[in-house]
């Protein structure tokens, strides 16, 4: 399930709202990343635990993850810098061991793979970027991927200003109303139209 957003930053913000982190909750994030990866969580009061890069690789040193986990740790955010990934199988095993959410910042990883499976399909939530600096772009845009259906309805509510308008459009309710926190996280139609034609040519691009 995917939702197109005004930016990848806002897709990351939606992650924070969907998972409803509490005060003192922590998320593990690589230290080598763009500011959006941290801002999207700090904005909602979530504490950040940064893990440095490997000695000869800019990606997170996953050997240091377990020593940074404590009772407040709730999630690990992997950042697939330049379309590369760490050993995701190992990170998934850590998440299962400590009951943590795996999230993916796949801003630079569209059409990139780990063991034949697309990056962005491992975490329960993943964010992609269509900023003009990316290979596939629409000036400014993003995408939230929801890989766990239990978060889908809440994602729609948060994206549409905290209303259940999605259910109304799909004839599930007679009228829509405000039901929860949310914001305006929907991609503009002109951006979507520009992006659509880029996505059709993704292999060639």
C-alpha atoms as a PDB file:
ATOM      1  CA  UNK A   1       0.000   0.000   0.000  1.00  0.00           C
ATOM      2  CA  UNK A   2       1.376   3.403  -0.927  1.00  0.00           C
ATOM      3  CA  UNK A   3       0.408   7.006  -0.264  1.00  0.00           C
ATOM      4  CA  UNK A   4       1.940   9.866  -2.251  1.00  0.00           C
ATOM      5  CA  UNK A   5       3.001  12.810  -0.102  1.00  0.00           C
ATOM      6  CA  UNK A   6       4.251  16.369  -0.715  1.00  0.00           C
ATOM      7  CA  UNK A   7       7.784  15.290   0.258  1.00  0.00           C
ATOM      8  CA  UNK A   8       9.787  12.452   1.734  1.00  0.00           C
ATOM      9  CA  UNK A   9      10.191  14.551   4.884  1.00  0.00           C
ATOM     10  CA  UNK A  10       6.425  14.536   5.328  1.00  0.00           C
ATOM     11  CA  UNK A  11       6.271  10.793   4.689  1.00  0.00           C
ATOM     12  CA  UNK A  12       8.770  10.404   7.545  1.00  0.00           C
ATOM     13  CA  UNK A  13       6.652  12.695   9.731  1.00  0.00           C
ATOM     14  CA  UNK A  14       3.658  10.483   9.023  1.00  0.00           C
ATOM     15  CA  UNK A  15       5.653   7.525  10.363  1.00  0.00           C
ATOM     16  CA  UNK A  16       6.001   9.312  13.717  1.00  0.00           C
ATOM     17  CA  UNK A  17       2.273  10.009  13.883  1.00  0.00           C
ATOM     18  CA  UNK A  18       1.198   6.551  12.735  1.00  0.00           C
ATOM     19  CA  UNK A  19       3.291   4.768  15.359  1.00  0.00           C
ATOM     20  CA  UNK A  20       2.207   7.236  18.062  1.00  0.00           C
ATOM     21  CA  UNK A  21       5.501   7.322  19.933  1.00  0.00           C
ATOM     22  CA  UNK A  22       5.335   8.411  23.584  1.00  0.00           C
ATOM     23  CA  UNK A  23       7.492  10.755  25.654  1.00  0.00           C
ATOM     24  CA  UNK A  24      10.988   9.327  26.238  1.00  0.00           C
ATOM     25  CA  UNK A  25      10.614   6.798  23.395  1.00  0.00           C
ATOM     26  CA  UNK A  26      13.793   6.408  21.359  1.00  0.00           C
ATOM     27  CA  UNK A  27      14.562   5.608  17.750  1.00  0.00           C
ATOM     28  CA  UNK A  28      17.932   4.432  16.436  1.00  0.00           C
ATOM     29  CA  UNK A  29      19.101   6.346  13.338  1.00  0.00           C
ATOM     30  CA  UNK A  30      22.401   6.396  11.442  1.00  0.00           C
ATOM     31  CA  UNK A  31      24.502   9.492  12.102  1.00  0.00           C
ATOM     32  CA  UNK A  32      25.311   9.858   8.400  1.00  0.00           C
ATOM     33  CA  UNK A  33      22.050  10.999   6.863  1.00  0.00           C
ATOM     34  CA  UNK A  34      20.098  14.055   5.768  1.00  0.00           C
ATOM     35  CA  UNK A  35      18.473  16.189   8.474  1.00  0.00           C
ATOM     36  CA  UNK A  36      14.950  15.057   7.534  1.00  0.00           C
ATOM     37  CA  UNK A  37      15.650  11.592   8.932  1.00  0.00           C
ATOM     38  CA  UNK A  38      15.987  13.059  12.410  1.00  0.00           C
ATOM     39  CA  UNK A  39      13.782  16.164  12.199  1.00  0.00           C
ATOM     40  CA  UNK A  40      10.733  14.078  11.364  1.00  0.00           C
ATOM     41  CA  UNK A  41      10.988  12.346  14.735  1.00  0.00           C
ATOM     42  CA  UNK A  42      12.459  15.102  16.927  1.00  0.00           C
ATOM     43  CA  UNK A  43       9.531  17.284  15.832  1.00  0.00           C
ATOM     44  CA  UNK A  44       7.193  14.926  17.693  1.00  0.00           C
ATOM     45  CA  UNK A  45       9.323  14.680  20.835  1.00  0.00           C
ATOM     46  CA  UNK A  46      11.032  11.377  20.061  1.00  0.00           C
ATOM     47  CA  UNK A  47      14.564  10.909  21.358  1.00  0.00           C
ATOM     48  CA  UNK A  48      17.257  10.079  18.820  1.00  0.00           C
ATOM     49  CA  UNK A  49      20.064   7.566  19.298  1.00  0.00           C
ATOM     50  CA  UNK A  50      22.654   8.041  16.554  1.00  0.00           C
ATOM     51  CA  UNK A  51      24.933   5.221  15.413  1.00  0.00           C
ATOM     52  CA  UNK A  52      28.064   6.004  13.440  1.00  0.00           C
ATOM     53  CA  UNK A  53      29.055   4.647  10.055  1.00  0.00           C
ATOM     54  CA  UNK A  54      31.189   1.615   9.398  1.00  0.00           C
ATOM     55  CA  UNK A  55      34.921   2.248   9.037  1.00  0.00           C
ATOM     56  CA  UNK A  56      34.923   1.998   5.233  1.00  0.00           C
ATOM     57  CA  UNK A  57      31.240   2.489   4.476  1.00  0.00           C
ATOM     58  CA  UNK A  58      28.889   5.436   5.132  1.00  0.00           C
ATOM     59  CA  UNK A  59      26.016   3.150   6.182  1.00  0.00           C
ATOM     60  CA  UNK A  60      25.122   2.457   9.816  1.00  0.00           C
ATOM     61  CA  UNK A  61      27.422   0.065  11.677  1.00  0.00           C
ATOM     62  CA  UNK A  62      24.759  -2.489  12.577  1.00  0.00           C
ATOM     63  CA  UNK A  63      27.206  -4.273  14.907  1.00  0.00           C
ATOM     64  CA  UNK A  64      26.647  -1.357  17.306  1.00  0.00           C
ATOM     65  CA  UNK A  65      22.856  -1.528  17.321  1.00  0.00           C
ATOM     66  CA  UNK A  66      22.329  -3.913  20.229  1.00  0.00           C
ATOM     67  CA  UNK A  67      24.583  -1.996  22.616  1.00  0.00           C
ATOM     68  CA  UNK A  68      22.444   1.096  21.989  1.00  0.00           C
ATOM     69  CA  UNK A  69      19.092  -0.554  22.719  1.00  0.00           C
ATOM     70  CA  UNK A  70      17.397   0.145  26.048  1.00  0.00           C
ATOM     71  CA  UNK A  71      13.901  -0.051  27.539  1.00  0.00           C
ATOM     72  CA  UNK A  72      12.892   3.160  25.727  1.00  0.00           C
ATOM     73  CA  UNK A  73      13.970   1.992  22.275  1.00  0.00           C
ATOM     74  CA  UNK A  74      10.974   1.521  20.004  1.00  0.00           C
ATOM     75  CA  UNK A  75      12.305   1.532  16.436  1.00  0.00           C
ATOM     76  CA  UNK A  76      15.278   1.361  14.101  1.00  0.00           C
ATOM     77  CA  UNK A  77      15.373   3.571  11.011  1.00  0.00           C
ATOM     78  CA  UNK A  78      17.590   2.308   8.211  1.00  0.00           C
ATOM     79  CA  UNK A  79      18.750   4.913   5.698  1.00  0.00           C
ATOM     80  CA  UNK A  80      19.611   3.384   2.335  1.00  0.00           C
ATOM     81  CA  UNK A  81      22.202   5.968   1.369  1.00  0.00           C
ATOM     82  CA  UNK A  82      22.818   6.104  -2.421  1.00  0.00           C
ATOM     83  CA  UNK A  83      20.568   3.073  -2.881  1.00  0.00           C
ATOM     84  CA  UNK A  84      22.755   0.707  -0.830  1.00  0.00           C
ATOM     85  CA  UNK A  85      21.700  -1.251   2.239  1.00  0.00           C
ATOM     86  CA  UNK A  86      23.190  -2.950   5.264  1.00  0.00           C
ATOM     87  CA  UNK A  87      22.526  -6.608   6.123  1.00  0.00           C
ATOM     88  CA  UNK A  88      18.775  -6.189   6.550  1.00  0.00           C
ATOM     89  CA  UNK A  89      18.255  -9.816   7.617  1.00  0.00           C
ATOM     90  CA  UNK A  90      20.470  -9.205  10.638  1.00  0.00           C
ATOM     91  CA  UNK A  91      18.621  -5.992  11.521  1.00  0.00           C
ATOM     92  CA  UNK A  92      15.269  -7.782  11.216  1.00  0.00           C
ATOM     93  CA  UNK A  93      16.479 -10.450  13.645  1.00  0.00           C
ATOM     94  CA  UNK A  94      17.442  -7.710  16.131  1.00  0.00           C
ATOM     95  CA  UNK A  95      14.001  -6.120  15.719  1.00  0.00           C
ATOM     96  CA  UNK A  96      12.303  -9.448  16.437  1.00  0.00           C
ATOM     97  CA  UNK A  97      14.544 -10.107  19.448  1.00  0.00           C
ATOM     98  CA  UNK A  98      13.768  -6.742  21.093  1.00  0.00           C
ATOM     99  CA  UNK A  99      10.254  -6.218  19.655  1.00  0.00           C
ATOM    100  CA  UNK A 100      11.212  -3.085  17.691  1.00  0.00           C
ATOM    101  CA  UNK A 101       9.667  -1.491  14.613  1.00  0.00           C
ATOM    102  CA  UNK A 102      11.852  -1.516  11.504  1.00  0.00           C
ATOM    103  CA  UNK A 103      11.463   1.654   9.422  1.00  0.00           C
ATOM    104  CA  UNK A 104      13.164   2.523   6.133  1.00  0.00           C
ATOM    105  CA  UNK A 105      14.285   5.884   4.808  1.00  0.00           C
ATOM    106  CA  UNK A 106      14.518   4.844   1.164  1.00  0.00           C
ATOM    107  CA  UNK A 107      14.724   8.408  -0.172  1.00  0.00           C
ATOM    108  CA  UNK A 108      17.593   7.475  -2.492  1.00  0.00           C
ATOM    109  CA  UNK A 109      16.663   3.843  -3.035  1.00  0.00           C
ATOM    110  CA  UNK A 110      13.851   3.662  -5.585  1.00  0.00           C
ATOM    111  CA  UNK A 111      14.339   0.595  -7.795  1.00  0.00           C
ATOM    112  CA  UNK A 112      17.160  -0.667  -5.551  1.00  0.00           C
ATOM    113  CA  UNK A 113      17.185  -4.181  -4.108  1.00  0.00           C
ATOM    114  CA  UNK A 114      18.484  -6.312  -1.261  1.00  0.00           C
ATOM    115  CA  UNK A 115      18.708 -10.039  -2.033  1.00  0.00           C
ATOM    116  CA  UNK A 116      16.289  -9.569  -4.934  1.00  0.00           C
ATOM    117  CA  UNK A 117      13.650  -7.775  -2.832  1.00  0.00           C
ATOM    118  CA  UNK A 118      12.974  -4.025  -3.240  1.00  0.00           C
ATOM    119  CA  UNK A 119      14.344  -1.686  -0.605  1.00  0.00           C
ATOM    120  CA  UNK A 120      11.373  -0.149   1.135  1.00  0.00           C
ATOM    121  CA  UNK A 121       9.569  -3.489   1.437  1.00  0.00           C
ATOM    122  CA  UNK A 122      11.258  -4.686   4.652  1.00  0.00           C
ATOM    123  CA  UNK A 123      10.155  -2.134   7.247  1.00  0.00           C
ATOM    124  CA  UNK A 124       6.565  -1.816   8.410  1.00  0.00           C
ATOM    125  CA  UNK A 125       6.734   1.743   7.028  1.00  0.00           C
ATOM    126  CA  UNK A 126       9.075   3.170   4.396  1.00  0.00           C
ATOM    127  CA  UNK A 127       9.594   6.606   2.868  1.00  0.00           C
ATOM    128  CA  UNK A 128      10.758   7.525  -0.653  1.00  0.00           C
ATOM    129  CA  UNK A 129      11.732  10.869  -2.173  1.00  0.00           C
ATOM    130  CA  UNK A 130      10.880  12.416  -5.534  1.00  0.00           C
ATOM    131  CA  UNK A 131      12.831  15.614  -4.854  1.00  0.00           C
ATOM    132  CA  UNK A 132      14.444  17.181  -7.931  1.00  0.00           C
ATOM    133  CA  UNK A 133      17.861  15.845  -6.847  1.00  0.00           C
ATOM    134  CA  UNK A 134      16.659  12.247  -7.249  1.00  0.00           C
ATOM    135  CA  UNK A 135      16.705  10.019 -10.348  1.00  0.00           C
ATOM    136  CA  UNK A 136      12.890   9.910 -10.405  1.00  0.00           C
ATOM    137  CA  UNK A 137      11.514  13.327  -9.465  1.00  0.00           C
ATOM    138  CA  UNK A 138       8.602  15.729  -9.678  1.00  0.00           C
ATOM    139  CA  UNK A 139      10.275  18.825  -8.260  1.00  0.00           C
ATOM    140  CA  UNK A 140       9.152  18.012  -4.737  1.00  0.00           C
ATOM    141  CA  UNK A 141       7.350  14.874  -3.667  1.00  0.00           C
ATOM    142  CA  UNK A 142       7.447  11.747  -1.568  1.00  0.00           C
ATOM    143  CA  UNK A 143       5.830   8.406  -0.946  1.00  0.00           C
ATOM    144  CA  UNK A 144       4.922   6.461   2.175  1.00  0.00           C
ATOM    145  CA  UNK A 145       4.833   2.682   1.853  1.00  0.00           C
ATOM    146  CA  UNK A 146       2.678   0.825   4.387  1.00  0.00           C
ATOM    147  CA  UNK A 147       3.772  -2.803   4.595  1.00  0.00           C
ATOM    148  CA  UNK A 148       1.523  -3.700   7.542  1.00  0.00           C
ATOM    149  CA  UNK A 149      -2.201  -3.394   6.837  1.00  0.00           C
ATOM    150  CA  UNK A 150      -3.037  -2.654  10.460  1.00  0.00           C
ATOM    151  CA  UNK A 151      -1.575   0.834   9.938  1.00  0.00           C
ATOM    152  CA  UNK A 152      -3.364   1.535   6.668  1.00  0.00           C
ATOM    153  CA  UNK A 153      -6.558   3.155   7.935  1.00  0.00           C
ATOM    154  CA  UNK A 154      -4.657   5.355  10.382  1.00  0.00           C
ATOM    155  CA  UNK A 155      -2.314   6.378   7.556  1.00  0.00           C
ATOM    156  CA  UNK A 156      -5.261   7.580   5.465  1.00  0.00           C
ATOM    157  CA  UNK A 157      -6.665   9.543   8.420  1.00  0.00           C
ATOM    158  CA  UNK A 158      -3.338  11.249   9.162  1.00  0.00           C
ATOM    159  CA  UNK A 159      -2.765  12.061   5.488  1.00  0.00           C
ATOM    160  CA  UNK A 160      -6.176  13.708   5.129  1.00  0.00           C
ATOM    161  CA  UNK A 161      -6.094  16.232   7.985  1.00  0.00           C
ATOM    162  CA  UNK A 162      -7.204  13.741  10.644  1.00  0.00           C
ATOM    163  CA  UNK A 163     -10.511  12.975   8.923  1.00  0.00           C
ATOM    164  CA  UNK A 164     -12.015   9.699   7.703  1.00  0.00           C
ATOM    165  CA  UNK A 165     -12.555  11.217   4.244  1.00  0.00           C
ATOM    166  CA  UNK A 166     -10.980   8.158   2.588  1.00  0.00           C
ATOM    167  CA  UNK A 167     -13.793   6.003   3.968  1.00  0.00           C
ATOM    168  CA  UNK A 168     -16.351   8.524   2.721  1.00  0.00           C
ATOM    169  CA  UNK A 169     -14.902   8.533  -0.811  1.00  0.00           C
ATOM    170  CA  UNK A 170     -15.067   4.742  -0.820  1.00  0.00           C
ATOM    171  CA  UNK A 171     -18.722   4.735   0.350  1.00  0.00           C
ATOM    172  CA  UNK A 172     -17.850   3.219   3.728  1.00  0.00           C
ATOM    173  CA  UNK A 173     -19.488   6.049   5.718  1.00  0.00           C
ATOM    174  CA  UNK A 174     -22.273   8.510   4.857  1.00  0.00           C
ATOM    175  CA  UNK A 175     -20.214  11.577   5.790  1.00  0.00           C
ATOM    176  CA  UNK A 176     -16.679  12.261   6.882  1.00  0.00           C
ATOM    177  CA  UNK A 177     -15.559  13.946  10.065  1.00  0.00           C
ATOM    178  CA  UNK A 178     -12.526  14.752  12.163  1.00  0.00           C
ATOM    179  CA  UNK A 179     -11.463  11.599  14.032  1.00  0.00           C
ATOM    180  CA  UNK A 180      -7.785  11.992  14.978  1.00  0.00           C
ATOM    181  CA  UNK A 181      -4.642  14.077  14.619  1.00  0.00           C
ATOM    182  CA  UNK A 182      -3.456  14.651  11.070  1.00  0.00           C
ATOM    183  CA  UNK A 183      -2.246  17.154   8.529  1.00  0.00           C
ATOM    184  CA  UNK A 184      -2.315  17.903   4.815  1.00  0.00           C
ATOM    185  CA  UNK A 185       0.004  15.182   3.553  1.00  0.00           C
ATOM    186  CA  UNK A 186      -1.340  14.665   0.024  1.00  0.00           C
ATOM    187  CA  UNK A 187       0.769  15.222  -3.106  1.00  0.00           C
ATOM    188  CA  UNK A 188      -0.454  18.005  -5.408  1.00  0.00           C
ATOM    189  CA  UNK A 189      -2.121  16.821  -8.624  1.00  0.00           C
ATOM    190  CA  UNK A 190       0.348  18.593 -10.948  1.00  0.00           C
ATOM    191  CA  UNK A 191       3.289  16.968  -9.165  1.00  0.00           C
ATOM    192  CA  UNK A 192       1.549  13.602  -9.362  1.00  0.00           C
ATOM    193  CA  UNK A 193       0.956  13.994 -13.108  1.00  0.00           C
ATOM    194  CA  UNK A 194       4.613  14.864 -13.712  1.00  0.00           C
ATOM    195  CA  UNK A 195       5.729  11.943 -11.518  1.00  0.00           C
ATOM    196  CA  UNK A 196       3.415   9.464 -13.235  1.00  0.00           C
ATOM    197  CA  UNK A 197       5.240   9.794 -16.548  1.00  0.00           C
ATOM    198  CA  UNK A 198       8.615   9.462 -14.842  1.00  0.00           C
ATOM    199  CA  UNK A 199       7.523   6.266 -13.129  1.00  0.00           C
ATOM    200  CA  UNK A 200       6.367   4.777 -16.445  1.00  0.00           C
ATOM    201  CA  UNK A 201       9.943   5.185 -17.723  1.00  0.00           C
ATOM    202  CA  UNK A 202      11.682   4.110 -14.518  1.00  0.00           C
ATOM    203  CA  UNK A 203      13.724   1.306 -16.090  1.00  0.00           C
ATOM    204  CA  UNK A 204      15.037   3.522 -18.876  1.00  0.00           C
ATOM    205  CA  UNK A 205      15.795   6.393 -16.512  1.00  0.00           C
END
